[in-house]
N, C-alpha and C. Protein backbone atom coordinates (compact mmCIF):
# COMPACT_ATOMS: atom_id res chain seq x y z
N UNK A 1 0.83 -1.17 0.00
CA UNK A 1 0.00 0.00 0.00
C UNK A 1 0.89 1.25 0.00
N UNK A 2 0.53 2.25 -0.80
CA UNK A 2 1.28 3.50 -0.87
C UNK A 2 0.59 4.50 0.05
N UNK A 3 1.35 5.09 0.91
CA UNK A 3 0.82 6.06 1.86
C UNK A 3 0.57 7.40 1.16
N UNK A 4 -0.55 8.03 1.43
CA UNK A 4 -0.83 9.34 0.81
C UNK A 4 0.26 10.36 1.12
N UNK A 5 0.87 10.30 2.29
CA UNK A 5 1.95 11.23 2.64
C UNK A 5 3.16 11.05 1.74
N UNK A 6 3.43 9.79 1.34
CA UNK A 6 4.56 9.51 0.46
C UNK A 6 4.33 10.11 -0.92
N UNK A 7 3.06 10.05 -1.38
CA UNK A 7 2.74 10.63 -2.68
C UNK A 7 2.94 12.14 -2.64
N UNK A 8 2.48 12.78 -1.57
CA UNK A 8 2.64 14.23 -1.43
C UNK A 8 4.12 14.61 -1.38
N UNK A 9 4.91 13.85 -0.64
CA UNK A 9 6.34 14.14 -0.57
C UNK A 9 6.99 14.00 -1.94
N UNK A 10 6.60 12.96 -2.67
CA UNK A 10 7.14 12.77 -4.02
C UNK A 10 6.78 13.92 -4.94
N UNK A 11 5.55 14.41 -4.81
CA UNK A 11 5.12 15.54 -5.65
C UNK A 11 5.89 16.81 -5.28
N UNK A 12 6.16 17.01 -3.98
CA UNK A 12 6.94 18.17 -3.56
C UNK A 12 8.35 18.11 -4.15
N UNK A 13 8.95 16.92 -4.09
CA UNK A 13 10.29 16.76 -4.65
C UNK A 13 10.29 17.04 -6.15
N UNK A 14 9.26 16.56 -6.84
CA UNK A 14 9.17 16.81 -8.27
C UNK A 14 9.04 18.30 -8.55
N UNK A 15 8.23 19.01 -7.77
CA UNK A 15 8.08 20.45 -7.94
C UNK A 15 9.41 21.17 -7.73
N UNK A 16 10.12 20.78 -6.68
CA UNK A 16 11.42 21.40 -6.42
C UNK A 16 12.40 21.14 -7.56
N UNK A 17 12.38 19.93 -8.10
CA UNK A 17 13.28 19.59 -9.20
C UNK A 17 12.97 20.43 -10.45
N UNK A 18 11.67 20.60 -10.72
CA UNK A 18 11.27 21.40 -11.88
C UNK A 18 11.69 22.86 -11.68
N UNK A 19 11.46 23.40 -10.50
CA UNK A 19 11.86 24.78 -10.22
C UNK A 19 13.37 24.95 -10.31
N UNK A 20 14.09 23.99 -9.75
CA UNK A 20 15.54 24.04 -9.81
C UNK A 20 16.03 24.04 -11.25
N UNK A 21 15.46 23.17 -12.07
CA UNK A 21 15.85 23.10 -13.48
C UNK A 21 15.52 24.40 -14.20
N UNK A 22 14.41 25.01 -13.84
CA UNK A 22 14.00 26.25 -14.51
C UNK A 22 14.97 27.39 -14.24
N UNK A 23 15.59 27.40 -13.06
CA UNK A 23 16.49 28.50 -12.72
C UNK A 23 17.96 28.17 -12.94
N UNK A 24 18.37 26.95 -12.70
CA UNK A 24 19.78 26.60 -12.79
C UNK A 24 20.22 26.38 -14.23
N UNK A 25 19.45 25.67 -15.04
CA UNK A 25 19.85 25.37 -16.40
C UNK A 25 20.08 26.65 -17.21
N UNK A 26 19.14 27.64 -17.17
CA UNK A 26 19.43 28.87 -17.91
C UNK A 26 20.69 29.58 -17.41
N UNK A 27 20.96 29.53 -16.11
CA UNK A 27 22.16 30.18 -15.58
C UNK A 27 23.41 29.50 -16.13
N UNK A 28 23.41 28.15 -16.17
CA UNK A 28 24.55 27.43 -16.73
C UNK A 28 24.70 27.72 -18.21
N UNK A 29 23.59 27.77 -18.93
CA UNK A 29 23.66 28.04 -20.36
C UNK A 29 24.22 29.44 -20.61
N UNK A 30 23.85 30.39 -19.77
CA UNK A 30 24.36 31.76 -19.94
C UNK A 30 25.85 31.81 -19.71
N UNK A 31 26.36 30.99 -18.79
CA UNK A 31 27.79 31.01 -18.50
C UNK A 31 28.59 30.42 -19.65
N UNK A 32 27.97 29.60 -20.48
CA UNK A 32 28.71 28.95 -21.55
C UNK A 32 28.69 29.74 -22.85
N UNK A 33 27.98 30.84 -22.89
CA UNK A 33 27.98 31.68 -24.09
C UNK A 33 29.34 32.36 -24.20
N UNK A 34 29.84 32.54 -25.42
CA UNK A 34 31.10 33.27 -25.55
C UNK A 34 30.94 34.69 -25.06
N UNK A 35 31.99 35.20 -24.44
CA UNK A 35 31.95 36.57 -23.93
C UNK A 35 31.85 37.55 -25.10
N UNK A 36 31.05 38.58 -24.92
CA UNK A 36 30.95 39.62 -25.93
C UNK A 36 32.19 40.49 -25.83
N UNK A 37 32.81 40.74 -26.95
CA UNK A 37 34.01 41.56 -26.96
C UNK A 37 33.64 43.01 -26.66
N UNK A 38 34.40 43.60 -25.79
CA UNK A 38 34.21 45.02 -25.51
C UNK A 38 34.71 45.81 -26.72
N UNK A 39 34.12 46.99 -26.95
CA UNK A 39 34.61 47.79 -28.08
C UNK A 39 36.13 48.01 -27.95
N UNK A 40 36.84 47.75 -29.01
CA UNK A 40 38.29 47.93 -29.00
C UNK A 40 39.06 46.77 -28.39
N UNK A 41 38.36 45.71 -27.96
CA UNK A 41 39.05 44.56 -27.38
C UNK A 41 39.84 43.84 -28.46
N UNK A 42 40.97 43.30 -28.08
CA UNK A 42 41.85 42.60 -29.01
C UNK A 42 41.65 41.10 -28.88
N UNK A 43 41.23 40.47 -29.95
CA UNK A 43 41.04 39.01 -29.95
C UNK A 43 42.40 38.32 -29.93
N UNK A 44 42.48 37.21 -29.20
CA UNK A 44 43.68 36.39 -29.14
C UNK A 44 43.24 34.95 -28.92
N UNK A 45 43.89 34.01 -29.58
CA UNK A 45 43.56 32.59 -29.45
C UNK A 45 44.66 31.92 -28.64
N UNK A 46 44.27 31.25 -27.56
CA UNK A 46 45.22 30.65 -26.63
C UNK A 46 45.06 29.13 -26.66
N UNK A 47 46.19 28.42 -26.66
CA UNK A 47 46.22 26.96 -26.57
C UNK A 47 46.92 26.61 -25.27
N UNK A 48 46.26 25.79 -24.45
CA UNK A 48 46.82 25.40 -23.16
C UNK A 48 46.25 24.05 -22.75
N UNK A 49 46.87 23.45 -21.74
CA UNK A 49 46.33 22.20 -21.20
C UNK A 49 45.37 22.53 -20.06
N UNK A 50 44.52 21.59 -19.73
CA UNK A 50 43.51 21.81 -18.68
C UNK A 50 44.12 21.87 -17.29
N UNK A 51 45.27 21.28 -17.10
CA UNK A 51 45.83 21.14 -15.75
C UNK A 51 46.79 22.25 -15.35
N UNK A 52 47.04 23.21 -16.22
CA UNK A 52 48.03 24.24 -15.92
C UNK A 52 47.35 25.47 -15.33
N UNK A 53 47.54 25.70 -14.05
CA UNK A 53 46.94 26.84 -13.37
C UNK A 53 47.52 28.17 -13.78
N UNK A 54 48.82 28.23 -14.03
CA UNK A 54 49.42 29.51 -14.41
C UNK A 54 48.94 29.96 -15.79
N UNK A 55 48.57 29.02 -16.65
CA UNK A 55 48.02 29.39 -17.96
C UNK A 55 46.69 30.11 -17.77
N UNK A 56 45.87 29.60 -16.86
CA UNK A 56 44.60 30.26 -16.57
C UNK A 56 44.82 31.65 -16.02
N UNK A 57 45.83 31.81 -15.18
CA UNK A 57 46.14 33.14 -14.63
C UNK A 57 46.62 34.09 -15.72
N UNK A 58 47.38 33.58 -16.71
CA UNK A 58 47.83 34.41 -17.80
C UNK A 58 46.64 34.87 -18.64
N UNK A 59 45.69 33.98 -18.86
CA UNK A 59 44.47 34.34 -19.60
C UNK A 59 43.72 35.43 -18.84
N UNK A 60 43.62 35.31 -17.51
CA UNK A 60 42.98 36.35 -16.70
C UNK A 60 43.72 37.68 -16.85
N UNK A 61 45.05 37.64 -16.90
CA UNK A 61 45.86 38.84 -17.11
C UNK A 61 45.50 39.49 -18.45
N UNK A 62 45.35 38.68 -19.49
CA UNK A 62 44.98 39.20 -20.80
C UNK A 62 43.61 39.87 -20.74
N UNK A 63 42.65 39.18 -20.11
CA UNK A 63 41.29 39.73 -20.01
C UNK A 63 41.28 41.06 -19.26
N UNK A 64 42.02 41.13 -18.17
CA UNK A 64 42.09 42.36 -17.38
C UNK A 64 42.77 43.49 -18.16
N UNK A 65 43.53 43.13 -19.20
CA UNK A 65 44.25 44.12 -20.00
C UNK A 65 43.52 44.45 -21.31
N UNK A 66 42.28 44.01 -21.43
CA UNK A 66 41.48 44.37 -22.60
C UNK A 66 41.53 43.42 -23.77
N UNK A 67 42.08 42.23 -23.58
CA UNK A 67 42.09 41.23 -24.64
C UNK A 67 40.85 40.35 -24.48
N UNK A 68 40.42 39.74 -25.57
CA UNK A 68 39.31 38.79 -25.55
C UNK A 68 39.85 37.44 -26.00
N UNK A 69 40.29 36.61 -25.05
CA UNK A 69 40.87 35.32 -25.42
C UNK A 69 39.82 34.27 -25.77
N UNK A 70 40.13 33.50 -26.79
CA UNK A 70 39.41 32.27 -27.09
C UNK A 70 40.38 31.17 -26.70
N UNK A 71 39.99 30.33 -25.74
CA UNK A 71 40.91 29.34 -25.18
C UNK A 71 40.57 27.95 -25.72
N UNK A 72 41.59 27.28 -26.22
CA UNK A 72 41.46 25.89 -26.68
C UNK A 72 42.25 25.01 -25.72
N UNK A 73 41.58 24.06 -25.10
CA UNK A 73 42.24 23.10 -24.20
C UNK A 73 42.71 21.93 -25.05
N UNK A 74 44.00 21.63 -24.96
CA UNK A 74 44.58 20.52 -25.72
C UNK A 74 45.13 19.48 -24.73
N UNK A 75 45.14 18.21 -25.13
CA UNK A 75 45.65 17.16 -24.23
C UNK A 75 47.12 17.37 -23.86
N UNK A 76 47.90 17.83 -24.81
CA UNK A 76 49.31 18.17 -24.55
C UNK A 76 49.68 19.31 -25.48
N UNK A 77 50.65 20.10 -25.09
CA UNK A 77 51.04 21.24 -25.91
C UNK A 77 51.59 20.82 -27.26
N UNK A 78 52.08 19.59 -27.37
CA UNK A 78 52.55 19.10 -28.67
C UNK A 78 51.41 19.03 -29.68
N UNK A 79 50.17 19.02 -29.19
CA UNK A 79 49.02 18.94 -30.07
C UNK A 79 48.41 20.31 -30.38
N UNK A 80 49.03 21.37 -29.90
CA UNK A 80 48.58 22.73 -30.23
C UNK A 80 49.15 23.09 -31.60
N UNK A 81 48.29 23.33 -32.59
CA UNK A 81 48.79 23.57 -33.96
C UNK A 81 49.89 24.62 -34.09
N UNK A 82 49.80 25.78 -33.41
CA UNK A 82 50.86 26.78 -33.62
C UNK A 82 52.20 26.41 -32.99
N UNK A 83 52.21 25.46 -32.08
CA UNK A 83 53.44 25.11 -31.35
C UNK A 83 54.54 24.65 -32.30
N UNK A 84 54.17 24.06 -33.42
CA UNK A 84 55.16 23.55 -34.38
C UNK A 84 56.04 24.68 -34.94
N UNK A 85 55.55 25.90 -34.92
CA UNK A 85 56.29 27.04 -35.47
C UNK A 85 57.13 27.78 -34.45
N UNK A 86 57.10 27.33 -33.20
CA UNK A 86 57.87 27.98 -32.14
C UNK A 86 59.14 27.17 -31.88
N UNK A 87 60.32 27.78 -31.95
CA UNK A 87 61.55 27.03 -31.67
C UNK A 87 61.48 26.36 -30.28
N UNK A 88 61.91 25.12 -30.19
CA UNK A 88 61.79 24.37 -28.93
C UNK A 88 62.53 25.05 -27.78
N UNK A 89 63.57 25.79 -28.07
CA UNK A 89 64.31 26.48 -27.00
C UNK A 89 63.49 27.61 -26.36
N UNK A 90 62.39 27.99 -26.99
CA UNK A 90 61.55 29.08 -26.48
C UNK A 90 60.26 28.57 -25.84
N UNK A 91 60.05 27.26 -25.84
CA UNK A 91 58.78 26.71 -25.34
C UNK A 91 58.49 27.09 -23.89
N UNK A 92 57.22 27.24 -23.64
CA UNK A 92 56.69 27.48 -22.29
C UNK A 92 55.46 26.59 -22.15
N UNK A 93 54.52 26.99 -21.31
CA UNK A 93 53.37 26.12 -21.04
C UNK A 93 52.12 26.46 -21.84
N UNK A 94 52.12 27.53 -22.62
CA UNK A 94 50.98 27.86 -23.47
C UNK A 94 51.45 28.65 -24.68
N UNK A 95 50.64 28.62 -25.73
CA UNK A 95 50.93 29.32 -26.98
C UNK A 95 49.68 30.07 -27.40
N UNK A 96 49.86 31.23 -28.00
CA UNK A 96 48.72 32.00 -28.48
C UNK A 96 49.01 32.54 -29.87
N UNK A 97 47.95 32.92 -30.57
CA UNK A 97 48.08 33.54 -31.88
C UNK A 97 47.19 34.78 -31.95
N UNK A 98 47.68 35.79 -32.65
CA UNK A 98 46.85 36.96 -32.93
C UNK A 98 47.47 37.73 -34.08
N UNK A 99 46.62 38.14 -34.97
CA UNK A 99 47.00 38.98 -36.11
C UNK A 99 48.27 38.50 -36.82
N UNK A 100 48.38 37.19 -37.00
CA UNK A 100 49.51 36.63 -37.73
C UNK A 100 50.77 36.40 -36.90
N UNK A 101 50.74 36.73 -35.62
CA UNK A 101 51.89 36.53 -34.73
C UNK A 101 51.63 35.37 -33.78
N UNK A 102 52.72 34.75 -33.35
CA UNK A 102 52.68 33.74 -32.29
C UNK A 102 53.13 34.40 -30.99
N UNK A 103 52.53 33.99 -29.90
CA UNK A 103 52.93 34.47 -28.57
C UNK A 103 53.12 33.24 -27.70
N UNK A 104 54.34 33.01 -27.29
CA UNK A 104 54.68 31.82 -26.51
C UNK A 104 54.99 32.20 -25.08
N UNK A 105 54.28 31.59 -24.14
CA UNK A 105 54.60 31.76 -22.73
C UNK A 105 54.00 33.00 -22.10
N UNK A 106 54.58 33.38 -20.97
CA UNK A 106 54.04 34.41 -20.08
C UNK A 106 54.42 35.83 -20.51
N UNK A 107 54.06 36.17 -21.73
CA UNK A 107 54.36 37.50 -22.28
C UNK A 107 53.37 38.51 -21.68
N UNK A 108 53.85 39.62 -21.13
CA UNK A 108 52.95 40.64 -20.59
C UNK A 108 52.08 41.26 -21.69
N UNK A 109 50.85 41.61 -21.33
CA UNK A 109 49.89 42.16 -22.28
C UNK A 109 50.41 43.44 -22.94
N UNK A 110 51.09 44.29 -22.17
CA UNK A 110 51.58 45.54 -22.77
C UNK A 110 52.65 45.28 -23.82
N UNK A 111 53.40 44.19 -23.67
CA UNK A 111 54.41 43.83 -24.67
C UNK A 111 53.72 43.31 -25.94
N UNK A 112 52.63 42.57 -25.77
CA UNK A 112 51.87 42.11 -26.93
C UNK A 112 51.32 43.32 -27.69
N UNK A 113 50.82 44.30 -26.96
CA UNK A 113 50.31 45.53 -27.62
C UNK A 113 51.44 46.25 -28.36
N UNK A 114 52.63 46.26 -27.77
CA UNK A 114 53.78 46.90 -28.43
C UNK A 114 54.13 46.15 -29.72
N UNK A 115 54.05 44.83 -29.67
CA UNK A 115 54.29 44.02 -30.87
C UNK A 115 53.33 44.42 -31.98
N UNK A 116 52.05 44.57 -31.63
CA UNK A 116 51.04 44.93 -32.63
C UNK A 116 51.22 46.36 -33.14
N UNK A 117 51.75 47.21 -32.30
CA UNK A 117 52.00 48.60 -32.70
C UNK A 117 53.22 48.68 -33.62
N UNK A 118 54.32 48.02 -33.24
CA UNK A 118 55.57 48.09 -34.00
C UNK A 118 55.54 47.25 -35.27
N UNK A 119 54.83 46.13 -35.24
CA UNK A 119 54.72 45.21 -36.38
C UNK A 119 56.08 44.79 -36.95
N UNK A 120 56.98 44.27 -36.08
CA UNK A 120 58.27 43.82 -36.63
C UNK A 120 58.06 42.60 -37.54
N UNK A 121 58.99 42.38 -38.43
CA UNK A 121 58.90 41.26 -39.36
C UNK A 121 59.48 40.02 -38.69
N UNK A 122 58.69 39.46 -37.77
CA UNK A 122 59.07 38.26 -37.02
C UNK A 122 57.87 37.32 -37.00
N UNK A 123 58.11 36.08 -36.59
CA UNK A 123 57.00 35.14 -36.44
C UNK A 123 56.26 35.37 -35.14
N UNK A 124 56.99 35.78 -34.12
CA UNK A 124 56.33 35.99 -32.85
C UNK A 124 57.26 36.41 -31.75
N UNK A 125 56.71 36.39 -30.53
CA UNK A 125 57.47 36.74 -29.34
C UNK A 125 57.29 35.64 -28.30
N UNK A 126 58.26 35.54 -27.39
CA UNK A 126 58.22 34.45 -26.42
C UNK A 126 58.90 34.85 -25.12
N UNK A 127 58.37 34.30 -24.04
CA UNK A 127 59.06 34.30 -22.75
C UNK A 127 59.31 32.82 -22.47
N UNK A 128 60.55 32.35 -22.73
CA UNK A 128 60.84 30.93 -22.53
C UNK A 128 60.69 30.52 -21.06
N UNK A 129 60.29 29.30 -20.86
CA UNK A 129 60.15 28.78 -19.51
C UNK A 129 59.00 29.43 -18.77
N UNK A 130 59.15 29.56 -17.48
CA UNK A 130 58.09 30.11 -16.63
C UNK A 130 58.72 30.98 -15.55
N UNK A 131 59.27 32.15 -15.94
CA UNK A 131 59.98 32.96 -14.96
C UNK A 131 59.07 33.53 -13.87
N UNK A 132 59.53 33.45 -12.64
CA UNK A 132 58.78 34.01 -11.52
C UNK A 132 58.65 35.52 -11.69
N UNK A 133 57.44 36.01 -11.49
CA UNK A 133 57.18 37.43 -11.64
C UNK A 133 56.56 37.81 -12.97
N UNK A 134 56.54 36.88 -13.92
CA UNK A 134 55.87 37.16 -15.20
C UNK A 134 54.36 36.99 -14.99
N UNK A 135 53.53 37.56 -15.87
CA UNK A 135 52.08 37.43 -15.70
C UNK A 135 51.64 35.96 -15.64
N UNK A 136 50.91 35.64 -14.60
CA UNK A 136 50.50 34.26 -14.37
C UNK A 136 51.45 33.51 -13.46
N UNK A 137 52.64 34.03 -13.27
CA UNK A 137 53.65 33.42 -12.41
C UNK A 137 54.05 34.40 -11.30
N UNK A 138 53.05 35.13 -10.79
CA UNK A 138 53.31 36.13 -9.77
C UNK A 138 54.07 35.51 -8.60
N UNK A 139 54.97 36.31 -8.02
CA UNK A 139 55.82 35.81 -6.95
C UNK A 139 56.33 36.99 -6.13
N UNK A 140 56.53 36.78 -4.83
CA UNK A 140 57.15 37.84 -4.04
C UNK A 140 58.64 38.01 -4.38
N UNK A 141 59.19 37.02 -5.08
CA UNK A 141 60.60 37.06 -5.48
C UNK A 141 60.72 36.99 -7.00
N UNK A 142 60.30 38.04 -7.71
CA UNK A 142 60.36 37.98 -9.17
C UNK A 142 61.80 37.93 -9.67
N UNK A 143 61.97 37.31 -10.82
CA UNK A 143 63.29 37.25 -11.44
C UNK A 143 63.24 38.01 -12.76
N UNK A 144 64.35 38.63 -13.15
CA UNK A 144 64.35 39.33 -14.43
C UNK A 144 64.21 38.33 -15.58
N UNK A 145 63.56 38.78 -16.64
CA UNK A 145 63.42 37.92 -17.81
C UNK A 145 63.33 38.79 -19.06
N UNK A 146 63.59 38.18 -20.20
CA UNK A 146 63.50 38.86 -21.49
C UNK A 146 62.33 38.31 -22.28
N UNK A 147 61.72 39.18 -23.06
CA UNK A 147 60.74 38.79 -24.06
C UNK A 147 61.51 38.82 -25.38
N UNK A 148 61.54 37.68 -26.05
CA UNK A 148 62.33 37.54 -27.27
C UNK A 148 61.45 37.50 -28.50
N UNK A 149 61.91 38.10 -29.60
CA UNK A 149 61.27 37.87 -30.89
C UNK A 149 61.94 36.66 -31.51
N UNK A 150 61.24 36.00 -32.42
CA UNK A 150 61.85 34.91 -33.17
C UNK A 150 61.33 34.94 -34.60
N UNK A 151 62.19 34.51 -35.52
CA UNK A 151 61.78 34.46 -36.92
C UNK A 151 61.69 32.99 -37.36
N UNK A 152 61.37 32.78 -38.63
CA UNK A 152 61.16 31.43 -39.14
C UNK A 152 62.41 30.56 -39.05
N UNK A 153 63.61 31.19 -39.07
CA UNK A 153 64.85 30.41 -38.97
C UNK A 153 65.23 30.10 -37.53
N UNK A 154 64.49 30.69 -36.56
CA UNK A 154 64.79 30.47 -35.15
C UNK A 154 65.66 31.54 -34.53
N UNK A 155 66.04 32.55 -35.33
CA UNK A 155 66.86 33.64 -34.80
C UNK A 155 66.04 34.45 -33.80
N UNK A 156 66.67 34.77 -32.66
CA UNK A 156 65.98 35.53 -31.62
C UNK A 156 66.69 36.85 -31.35
N UNK A 157 65.90 37.83 -30.91
CA UNK A 157 66.44 39.10 -30.43
C UNK A 157 65.60 39.52 -29.24
N UNK A 158 66.18 40.32 -28.36
CA UNK A 158 65.45 40.81 -27.19
C UNK A 158 64.51 41.93 -27.64
N UNK A 159 63.23 41.75 -27.33
CA UNK A 159 62.22 42.74 -27.67
C UNK A 159 61.90 43.64 -26.46
N UNK A 160 61.93 43.03 -25.26
CA UNK A 160 61.68 43.78 -24.01
C UNK A 160 62.33 43.02 -22.87
N UNK A 161 62.68 43.75 -21.82
CA UNK A 161 63.25 43.13 -20.62
C UNK A 161 62.41 43.56 -19.43
N UNK A 162 62.25 42.65 -18.51
CA UNK A 162 61.48 42.94 -17.29
C UNK A 162 62.27 42.51 -16.09
């Protein structure tokens, strides 16, 4: 025999589930929409792995500096298409592309803007490794580092020093 109280409790639970779905699902769907670019925002495409926290912090640095990143999560950085064009000696934990340039590693946003302003005839810029104090690698003990340009032959020059 089914108790009338059990039926009422089941109906209450069903009502709560329907209400929850009505409010939570639209909120989740809204969070998954691509962000609208602010006027004058600079689009940039980032390739990173899901497990790298400093990559996420670098993306936050870009967003705070007026960039609109599109992030692609790859199983390993070897599977990021632009990585093949970056000399292995310059590799870091993420790679990005914008306006025909490659950006490897923890390059500060203002240096990326300078690259776009100057338009040097290079393939891209890079901060090799993961220097403490670079964007995404904040530290109370920052270390000096260089932002290097690189060309198709792998030749590098210092573009900025921090």
